[in-house]
């Protein structure tokens, strides 16, 4: 069976032509992805392959499903080799970073919601727990961030000593802990509460305040500060 190309499609169905005539906002998710991957395989066009990529996560379709795909899952698709798989993973990571950059621009992190919005897209899709240290000045301006740990699907371990070593190097006066729950439920576990207490006590001795601990779930978050759990 001969390979179907974009040129064999009716003109008004070709993503390239549609983008030039109407702009990228007129393209569907699969059409945008087809423009990126450029070619399909011997049995299907790039557009058909794009649709399969976006539906690979079972019941989760569209870009949310795409952002969850792993390298091995992409390689399992006929027509996707190492180069295409790497390109797709890089596109996914770039969109996460763009979302975080847009959220951060011109903002000072003085609210838990601002923190949650900044990290939501980069952390809610992760299959393992990640701990991020935010280092801020007295006005809440972000001086730096450090991804400290990647753990199992249910637990992570981080040392207060490592956290404050980073904070001291940055010259920050305040820190915020952020971590995700792969389950999607942001309610703190007993381990989360104990860790927060340990980190807060260590900070008091170093005159560096732990101002919040934000747990990222699936489009939800829990703030220790908002819940009164820092007292």
C-alpha atoms as a PDB file:
ATOM      1  CA  UNK A   1       0.000   0.000   0.000  1.00  0.00           C
ATOM      2  CA  UNK A   2       1.463   3.338  -1.009  1.00  0.00           C
ATOM      3  CA  UNK A   3       2.239   5.958   1.552  1.00  0.00           C
ATOM      4  CA  UNK A   4      -0.321   8.759   1.773  1.00  0.00           C
ATOM      5  CA  UNK A   5       1.147  12.238   1.752  1.00  0.00           C
ATOM      6  CA  UNK A   6      -0.257  15.661   2.574  1.00  0.00           C
ATOM      7  CA  UNK A   7      -0.208  16.535  -1.144  1.00  0.00           C
ATOM      8  CA  UNK A   8      -2.660  13.711  -1.855  1.00  0.00           C
ATOM      9  CA  UNK A   9      -5.213  15.267   0.479  1.00  0.00           C
ATOM     10  CA  UNK A  10      -7.801  17.865  -0.680  1.00  0.00           C
ATOM     11  CA  UNK A  11      -6.277  21.320  -0.398  1.00  0.00           C
ATOM     12  CA  UNK A  12      -8.725  22.532   2.253  1.00  0.00           C
ATOM     13  CA  UNK A  13      -7.758  19.559   4.467  1.00  0.00           C
ATOM     14  CA  UNK A  14      -3.999  20.094   4.304  1.00  0.00           C
ATOM     15  CA  UNK A  15      -2.686  21.527   7.601  1.00  0.00           C
ATOM     16  CA  UNK A  16       0.052  23.558   5.887  1.00  0.00           C
ATOM     17  CA  UNK A  17      -2.316  25.343   3.527  1.00  0.00           C
ATOM     18  CA  UNK A  18      -4.938  25.832   6.245  1.00  0.00           C
ATOM     19  CA  UNK A  19      -2.321  27.417   8.521  1.00  0.00           C
ATOM     20  CA  UNK A  20      -1.139  29.800   5.810  1.00  0.00           C
ATOM     21  CA  UNK A  21      -4.667  30.838   4.914  1.00  0.00           C
ATOM     22  CA  UNK A  22      -6.329  30.967   8.346  1.00  0.00           C
ATOM     23  CA  UNK A  23      -3.475  30.954  10.872  1.00  0.00           C
ATOM     24  CA  UNK A  24      -2.395  28.256  13.360  1.00  0.00           C
ATOM     25  CA  UNK A  25      -5.421  28.834  15.618  1.00  0.00           C
ATOM     26  CA  UNK A  26      -7.621  27.308  12.908  1.00  0.00           C
ATOM     27  CA  UNK A  27      -5.788  23.973  13.142  1.00  0.00           C
ATOM     28  CA  UNK A  28      -6.915  21.113  15.362  1.00  0.00           C
ATOM     29  CA  UNK A  29      -4.497  19.465  17.795  1.00  0.00           C
ATOM     30  CA  UNK A  30      -3.840  16.611  15.365  1.00  0.00           C
ATOM     31  CA  UNK A  31      -3.278  19.037  12.483  1.00  0.00           C
ATOM     32  CA  UNK A  32      -0.769  21.048  14.505  1.00  0.00           C
ATOM     33  CA  UNK A  33       1.067  17.857  15.407  1.00  0.00           C
ATOM     34  CA  UNK A  34       1.022  16.682  11.780  1.00  0.00           C
ATOM     35  CA  UNK A  35       2.823  19.855  10.718  1.00  0.00           C
ATOM     36  CA  UNK A  36       5.539  19.085  13.274  1.00  0.00           C
ATOM     37  CA  UNK A  37       6.072  15.387  12.478  1.00  0.00           C
ATOM     38  CA  UNK A  38       5.829  16.079   8.701  1.00  0.00           C
ATOM     39  CA  UNK A  39       5.642  12.445   7.532  1.00  0.00           C
ATOM     40  CA  UNK A  40       3.588   9.388   8.369  1.00  0.00           C
ATOM     41  CA  UNK A  41       4.321   5.828   7.287  1.00  0.00           C
ATOM     42  CA  UNK A  42       3.490   3.559   4.331  1.00  0.00           C
ATOM     43  CA  UNK A  43      -0.096   3.030   5.490  1.00  0.00           C
ATOM     44  CA  UNK A  44      -1.100   6.447   6.804  1.00  0.00           C
ATOM     45  CA  UNK A  45      -0.507  10.161   6.422  1.00  0.00           C
ATOM     46  CA  UNK A  46       1.145  12.378   9.021  1.00  0.00           C
ATOM     47  CA  UNK A  47      -2.335  13.562  10.011  1.00  0.00           C
ATOM     48  CA  UNK A  48      -3.578  10.027  10.630  1.00  0.00           C
ATOM     49  CA  UNK A  49      -0.446   9.204  12.592  1.00  0.00           C
ATOM     50  CA  UNK A  50      -0.945  12.345  14.675  1.00  0.00           C
ATOM     51  CA  UNK A  51      -4.453  11.240  15.582  1.00  0.00           C
ATOM     52  CA  UNK A  52      -3.114   7.887  16.759  1.00  0.00           C
ATOM     53  CA  UNK A  53      -0.424   9.593  18.815  1.00  0.00           C
ATOM     54  CA  UNK A  54      -2.960  11.808  20.586  1.00  0.00           C
ATOM     55  CA  UNK A  55      -5.242   8.868  21.360  1.00  0.00           C
ATOM     56  CA  UNK A  56      -2.457   6.582  22.600  1.00  0.00           C
ATOM     57  CA  UNK A  57      -3.340   7.141  26.266  1.00  0.00           C
ATOM     58  CA  UNK A  58      -6.573   5.154  26.064  1.00  0.00           C
ATOM     59  CA  UNK A  59      -9.480   7.288  27.253  1.00  0.00           C
ATOM     60  CA  UNK A  60      -7.349  10.429  27.534  1.00  0.00           C
ATOM     61  CA  UNK A  61      -7.249  12.236  24.208  1.00  0.00           C
ATOM     62  CA  UNK A  62      -5.838  15.476  22.896  1.00  0.00           C
ATOM     63  CA  UNK A  63      -2.865  17.399  24.174  1.00  0.00           C
ATOM     64  CA  UNK A  64      -3.320  16.264  27.774  1.00  0.00           C
ATOM     65  CA  UNK A  65      -2.757  12.703  26.621  1.00  0.00           C
ATOM     66  CA  UNK A  66       0.187  13.758  24.482  1.00  0.00           C
ATOM     67  CA  UNK A  67       1.938  15.367  27.433  1.00  0.00           C
ATOM     68  CA  UNK A  68       1.843  12.061  29.331  1.00  0.00           C
ATOM     69  CA  UNK A  69       3.484   9.939  26.650  1.00  0.00           C
ATOM     70  CA  UNK A  70       6.853   8.331  27.339  1.00  0.00           C
ATOM     71  CA  UNK A  71       9.706   7.647  24.946  1.00  0.00           C
ATOM     72  CA  UNK A  72       8.935   3.930  24.825  1.00  0.00           C
ATOM     73  CA  UNK A  73       5.228   4.519  24.209  1.00  0.00           C
ATOM     74  CA  UNK A  74       6.043   6.759  21.269  1.00  0.00           C
ATOM     75  CA  UNK A  75       8.465   4.205  19.832  1.00  0.00           C
ATOM     76  CA  UNK A  76       5.725   1.569  19.956  1.00  0.00           C
ATOM     77  CA  UNK A  77       3.877   3.460  17.203  1.00  0.00           C
ATOM     78  CA  UNK A  78       4.599   2.435  13.636  1.00  0.00           C
ATOM     79  CA  UNK A  79       6.131   5.390  11.859  1.00  0.00           C
ATOM     80  CA  UNK A  80       7.733   6.849  15.006  1.00  0.00           C
ATOM     81  CA  UNK A  81      11.457   6.248  15.370  1.00  0.00           C
ATOM     82  CA  UNK A  82      14.031   7.665  17.744  1.00  0.00           C
ATOM     83  CA  UNK A  83      14.212  11.057  16.034  1.00  0.00           C
ATOM     84  CA  UNK A  84      10.439  11.615  15.947  1.00  0.00           C
ATOM     85  CA  UNK A  85      10.051  10.388  19.530  1.00  0.00           C
ATOM     86  CA  UNK A  86      12.706  12.807  20.771  1.00  0.00           C
ATOM     87  CA  UNK A  87      11.144  15.661  18.796  1.00  0.00           C
ATOM     88  CA  UNK A  88       7.728  14.958  20.319  1.00  0.00           C
ATOM     89  CA  UNK A  89       9.097  14.759  23.859  1.00  0.00           C
ATOM     90  CA  UNK A  90      10.924  18.048  23.353  1.00  0.00           C
ATOM     91  CA  UNK A  91       7.732  19.711  22.068  1.00  0.00           C
ATOM     92  CA  UNK A  92       5.903  18.530  25.191  1.00  0.00           C
ATOM     93  CA  UNK A  93       8.632  19.844  27.484  1.00  0.00           C
ATOM     94  CA  UNK A  94       8.801  23.146  25.603  1.00  0.00           C
ATOM     95  CA  UNK A  95       5.059  23.724  26.080  1.00  0.00           C
ATOM     96  CA  UNK A  96       5.445  23.114  29.819  1.00  0.00           C
ATOM     97  CA  UNK A  97       8.301  25.602  30.057  1.00  0.00           C
ATOM     98  CA  UNK A  98       6.441  28.193  28.001  1.00  0.00           C
ATOM     99  CA  UNK A  99       3.436  27.859  30.307  1.00  0.00           C
ATOM    100  CA  UNK A 100       5.649  28.395  33.353  1.00  0.00           C
ATOM    101  CA  UNK A 101       7.475  31.352  31.788  1.00  0.00           C
ATOM    102  CA  UNK A 102       4.208  33.034  30.828  1.00  0.00           C
ATOM    103  CA  UNK A 103       2.827  32.517  34.328  1.00  0.00           C
ATOM    104  CA  UNK A 104       5.946  33.892  36.019  1.00  0.00           C
ATOM    105  CA  UNK A 105       6.470  36.993  33.867  1.00  0.00           C
ATOM    106  CA  UNK A 106       5.916  40.171  35.922  1.00  0.00           C
ATOM    107  CA  UNK A 107       4.686  38.276  38.968  1.00  0.00           C
ATOM    108  CA  UNK A 108       5.927  38.011  42.511  1.00  0.00           C
ATOM    109  CA  UNK A 109       5.087  34.807  44.345  1.00  0.00           C
ATOM    110  CA  UNK A 110       3.183  36.068  47.372  1.00  0.00           C
ATOM    111  CA  UNK A 111       0.159  33.759  47.055  1.00  0.00           C
ATOM    112  CA  UNK A 112      -0.224  30.001  47.052  1.00  0.00           C
ATOM    113  CA  UNK A 113      -2.355  30.184  43.904  1.00  0.00           C
ATOM    114  CA  UNK A 114       0.458  31.908  41.984  1.00  0.00           C
ATOM    115  CA  UNK A 115       2.827  29.106  42.979  1.00  0.00           C
ATOM    116  CA  UNK A 116       0.333  26.404  42.013  1.00  0.00           C
ATOM    117  CA  UNK A 117      -0.376  28.007  38.634  1.00  0.00           C
ATOM    118  CA  UNK A 118       3.324  28.291  37.905  1.00  0.00           C
ATOM    119  CA  UNK A 119       4.030  24.587  38.503  1.00  0.00           C
ATOM    120  CA  UNK A 120       0.708  22.972  37.594  1.00  0.00           C
ATOM    121  CA  UNK A 121       1.416  22.070  33.974  1.00  0.00           C
ATOM    122  CA  UNK A 122       4.994  20.958  34.587  1.00  0.00           C
ATOM    123  CA  UNK A 123       4.165  18.715  37.573  1.00  0.00           C
ATOM    124  CA  UNK A 124       0.618  17.379  37.342  1.00  0.00           C
ATOM    125  CA  UNK A 125       1.459  14.911  34.554  1.00  0.00           C
ATOM    126  CA  UNK A 126       4.476  13.369  36.301  1.00  0.00           C
ATOM    127  CA  UNK A 127       4.274   9.660  37.177  1.00  0.00           C
ATOM    128  CA  UNK A 128       6.747  10.072  40.058  1.00  0.00           C
ATOM    129  CA  UNK A 129       6.884  12.508  42.947  1.00  0.00           C
ATOM    130  CA  UNK A 130       9.150  15.503  42.439  1.00  0.00           C
ATOM    131  CA  UNK A 131      10.217  18.022  45.065  1.00  0.00           C
ATOM    132  CA  UNK A 132      11.022  21.576  43.991  1.00  0.00           C
ATOM    133  CA  UNK A 133      12.636  24.208  46.189  1.00  0.00           C
ATOM    134  CA  UNK A 134      11.649  27.809  45.450  1.00  0.00           C
ATOM    135  CA  UNK A 135      14.067  30.418  46.802  1.00  0.00           C
ATOM    136  CA  UNK A 136      12.705  33.950  47.235  1.00  0.00           C
ATOM    137  CA  UNK A 137      13.659  37.337  48.609  1.00  0.00           C
ATOM    138  CA  UNK A 138      11.698  39.324  51.192  1.00  0.00           C
ATOM    139  CA  UNK A 139       9.301  40.619  48.483  1.00  0.00           C
ATOM    140  CA  UNK A 140       8.500  37.151  47.207  1.00  0.00           C
ATOM    141  CA  UNK A 141      10.599  37.556  44.063  1.00  0.00           C
ATOM    142  CA  UNK A 142      11.921  34.239  42.767  1.00  0.00           C
ATOM    143  CA  UNK A 143      15.716  34.105  43.033  1.00  0.00           C
ATOM    144  CA  UNK A 144      16.011  30.541  41.835  1.00  0.00           C
ATOM    145  CA  UNK A 145      14.502  27.094  41.876  1.00  0.00           C
ATOM    146  CA  UNK A 146      15.971  23.653  42.358  1.00  0.00           C
ATOM    147  CA  UNK A 147      14.411  20.326  41.461  1.00  0.00           C
ATOM    148  CA  UNK A 148      15.618  18.370  44.435  1.00  0.00           C
ATOM    149  CA  UNK A 149      14.270  14.854  44.129  1.00  0.00           C
ATOM    150  CA  UNK A 150      12.345  12.403  41.990  1.00  0.00           C
ATOM    151  CA  UNK A 151      10.852   9.541  43.963  1.00  0.00           C
ATOM    152  CA  UNK A 152       8.488   6.629  43.494  1.00  0.00           C
ATOM    153  CA  UNK A 153       4.837   6.891  42.535  1.00  0.00           C
ATOM    154  CA  UNK A 154       3.867   7.221  46.198  1.00  0.00           C
ATOM    155  CA  UNK A 155       6.731   8.736  48.167  1.00  0.00           C
ATOM    156  CA  UNK A 156       9.696  11.072  48.012  1.00  0.00           C
ATOM    157  CA  UNK A 157      12.532  11.761  50.419  1.00  0.00           C
ATOM    158  CA  UNK A 158      14.326  15.061  50.714  1.00  0.00           C
ATOM    159  CA  UNK A 159      16.833  16.253  53.290  1.00  0.00           C
ATOM    160  CA  UNK A 160      16.337  19.631  55.042  1.00  0.00           C
ATOM    161  CA  UNK A 161      20.128  19.931  55.001  1.00  0.00           C
ATOM    162  CA  UNK A 162      20.180  19.815  51.179  1.00  0.00           C
ATOM    163  CA  UNK A 163      17.312  22.312  50.965  1.00  0.00           C
ATOM    164  CA  UNK A 164      18.976  24.900  53.153  1.00  0.00           C
ATOM    165  CA  UNK A 165      22.387  24.410  51.556  1.00  0.00           C
ATOM    166  CA  UNK A 166      20.767  25.544  48.301  1.00  0.00           C
ATOM    167  CA  UNK A 167      18.871  28.363  50.013  1.00  0.00           C
ATOM    168  CA  UNK A 168      22.027  29.719  51.636  1.00  0.00           C
ATOM    169  CA  UNK A 169      23.878  29.680  48.323  1.00  0.00           C
ATOM    170  CA  UNK A 170      21.110  31.721  46.689  1.00  0.00           C
ATOM    171  CA  UNK A 171      20.986  34.310  49.482  1.00  0.00           C
ATOM    172  CA  UNK A 172      17.229  33.780  49.869  1.00  0.00           C
ATOM    173  CA  UNK A 173      15.342  34.748  53.006  1.00  0.00           C
ATOM    174  CA  UNK A 174      12.249  32.689  52.250  1.00  0.00           C
ATOM    175  CA  UNK A 175      11.666  29.294  50.710  1.00  0.00           C
ATOM    176  CA  UNK A 176       8.619  27.428  49.436  1.00  0.00           C
ATOM    177  CA  UNK A 177       8.424  23.688  48.936  1.00  0.00           C
ATOM    178  CA  UNK A 178       6.439  22.352  45.998  1.00  0.00           C
ATOM    179  CA  UNK A 179       5.804  18.733  45.190  1.00  0.00           C
ATOM    180  CA  UNK A 180       3.324  16.694  43.195  1.00  0.00           C
ATOM    181  CA  UNK A 181       1.096  13.730  43.982  1.00  0.00           C
ATOM    182  CA  UNK A 182       0.936  11.420  40.927  1.00  0.00           C
ATOM    183  CA  UNK A 183      -2.434  10.149  42.166  1.00  0.00           C
ATOM    184  CA  UNK A 184      -3.906  13.579  41.376  1.00  0.00           C
ATOM    185  CA  UNK A 185      -5.112  14.033  44.969  1.00  0.00           C
ATOM    186  CA  UNK A 186      -3.228  16.958  46.570  1.00  0.00           C
ATOM    187  CA  UNK A 187      -4.215  16.209  50.169  1.00  0.00           C
ATOM    188  CA  UNK A 188      -1.065  16.006  52.345  1.00  0.00           C
ATOM    189  CA  UNK A 189       0.002  12.654  53.742  1.00  0.00           C
ATOM    190  CA  UNK A 190       1.344  12.191  57.249  1.00  0.00           C
ATOM    191  CA  UNK A 191       4.837  12.021  55.748  1.00  0.00           C
ATOM    192  CA  UNK A 192       4.265  15.372  54.027  1.00  0.00           C
ATOM    193  CA  UNK A 193       3.229  16.953  57.319  1.00  0.00           C
ATOM    194  CA  UNK A 194       6.218  15.531  59.200  1.00  0.00           C
ATOM    195  CA  UNK A 195       8.675  16.671  56.503  1.00  0.00           C
ATOM    196  CA  UNK A 196       7.203  20.162  56.504  1.00  0.00           C
ATOM    197  CA  UNK A 197       7.594  20.404  60.270  1.00  0.00           C
ATOM    198  CA  UNK A 198      11.242  19.316  60.098  1.00  0.00           C
ATOM    199  CA  UNK A 199      12.054  21.783  57.313  1.00  0.00           C
ATOM    200  CA  UNK A 200      10.318  24.638  59.122  1.00  0.00           C
ATOM    201  CA  UNK A 201      12.219  24.032  62.383  1.00  0.00           C
ATOM    202  CA  UNK A 202      15.571  23.887  60.587  1.00  0.00           C
ATOM    203  CA  UNK A 203      14.780  27.137  58.828  1.00  0.00           C
ATOM    204  CA  UNK A 204      14.033  28.917  62.100  1.00  0.00           C
ATOM    205  CA  UNK A 205      17.590  28.196  63.266  1.00  0.00           C
ATOM    206  CA  UNK A 206      19.021  29.600  60.023  1.00  0.00           C
ATOM    207  CA  UNK A 207      16.671  32.609  59.885  1.00  0.00           C
ATOM    208  CA  UNK A 208      15.204  31.400  56.591  1.00  0.00           C
ATOM    209  CA  UNK A 209      11.429  31.101  56.605  1.00  0.00           C
ATOM    210  CA  UNK A 210       9.468  28.262  55.082  1.00  0.00           C
ATOM    211  CA  UNK A 211       6.504  30.326  53.926  1.00  0.00           C
ATOM    212  CA  UNK A 212       4.495  27.560  52.244  1.00  0.00           C
ATOM    213  CA  UNK A 213       4.414  23.967  51.076  1.00  0.00           C
ATOM    214  CA  UNK A 214       2.252  23.527  47.985  1.00  0.00           C
ATOM    215  CA  UNK A 215       1.163  20.081  46.818  1.00  0.00           C
ATOM    216  CA  UNK A 216       0.201  19.794  43.165  1.00  0.00           C
ATOM    217  CA  UNK A 217      -2.583  17.417  42.130  1.00  0.00           C
ATOM    218  CA  UNK A 218      -4.503  17.130  38.878  1.00  0.00           C
ATOM    219  CA  UNK A 219      -5.705  20.711  38.338  1.00  0.00           C
ATOM    220  CA  UNK A 220      -5.958  21.039  42.136  1.00  0.00           C
ATOM    221  CA  UNK A 221      -3.543  22.013  44.845  1.00  0.00           C
ATOM    222  CA  UNK A 222      -3.239  22.123  48.616  1.00  0.00           C
ATOM    223  CA  UNK A 223      -1.354  24.880  50.413  1.00  0.00           C
ATOM    224  CA  UNK A 224      -0.044  24.314  53.940  1.00  0.00           C
ATOM    225  CA  UNK A 225      -0.249  28.060  54.514  1.00  0.00           C
ATOM    226  CA  UNK A 226      -3.858  28.312  53.390  1.00  0.00           C
ATOM    227  CA  UNK A 227      -4.792  25.273  55.471  1.00  0.00           C
ATOM    228  CA  UNK A 228      -3.044  26.609  58.591  1.00  0.00           C
ATOM    229  CA  UNK A 229      -0.672  23.637  58.648  1.00  0.00           C
ATOM    230  CA  UNK A 230       2.516  25.689  59.114  1.00  0.00           C
ATOM    231  CA  UNK A 231       1.661  26.623  62.702  1.00  0.00           C
END
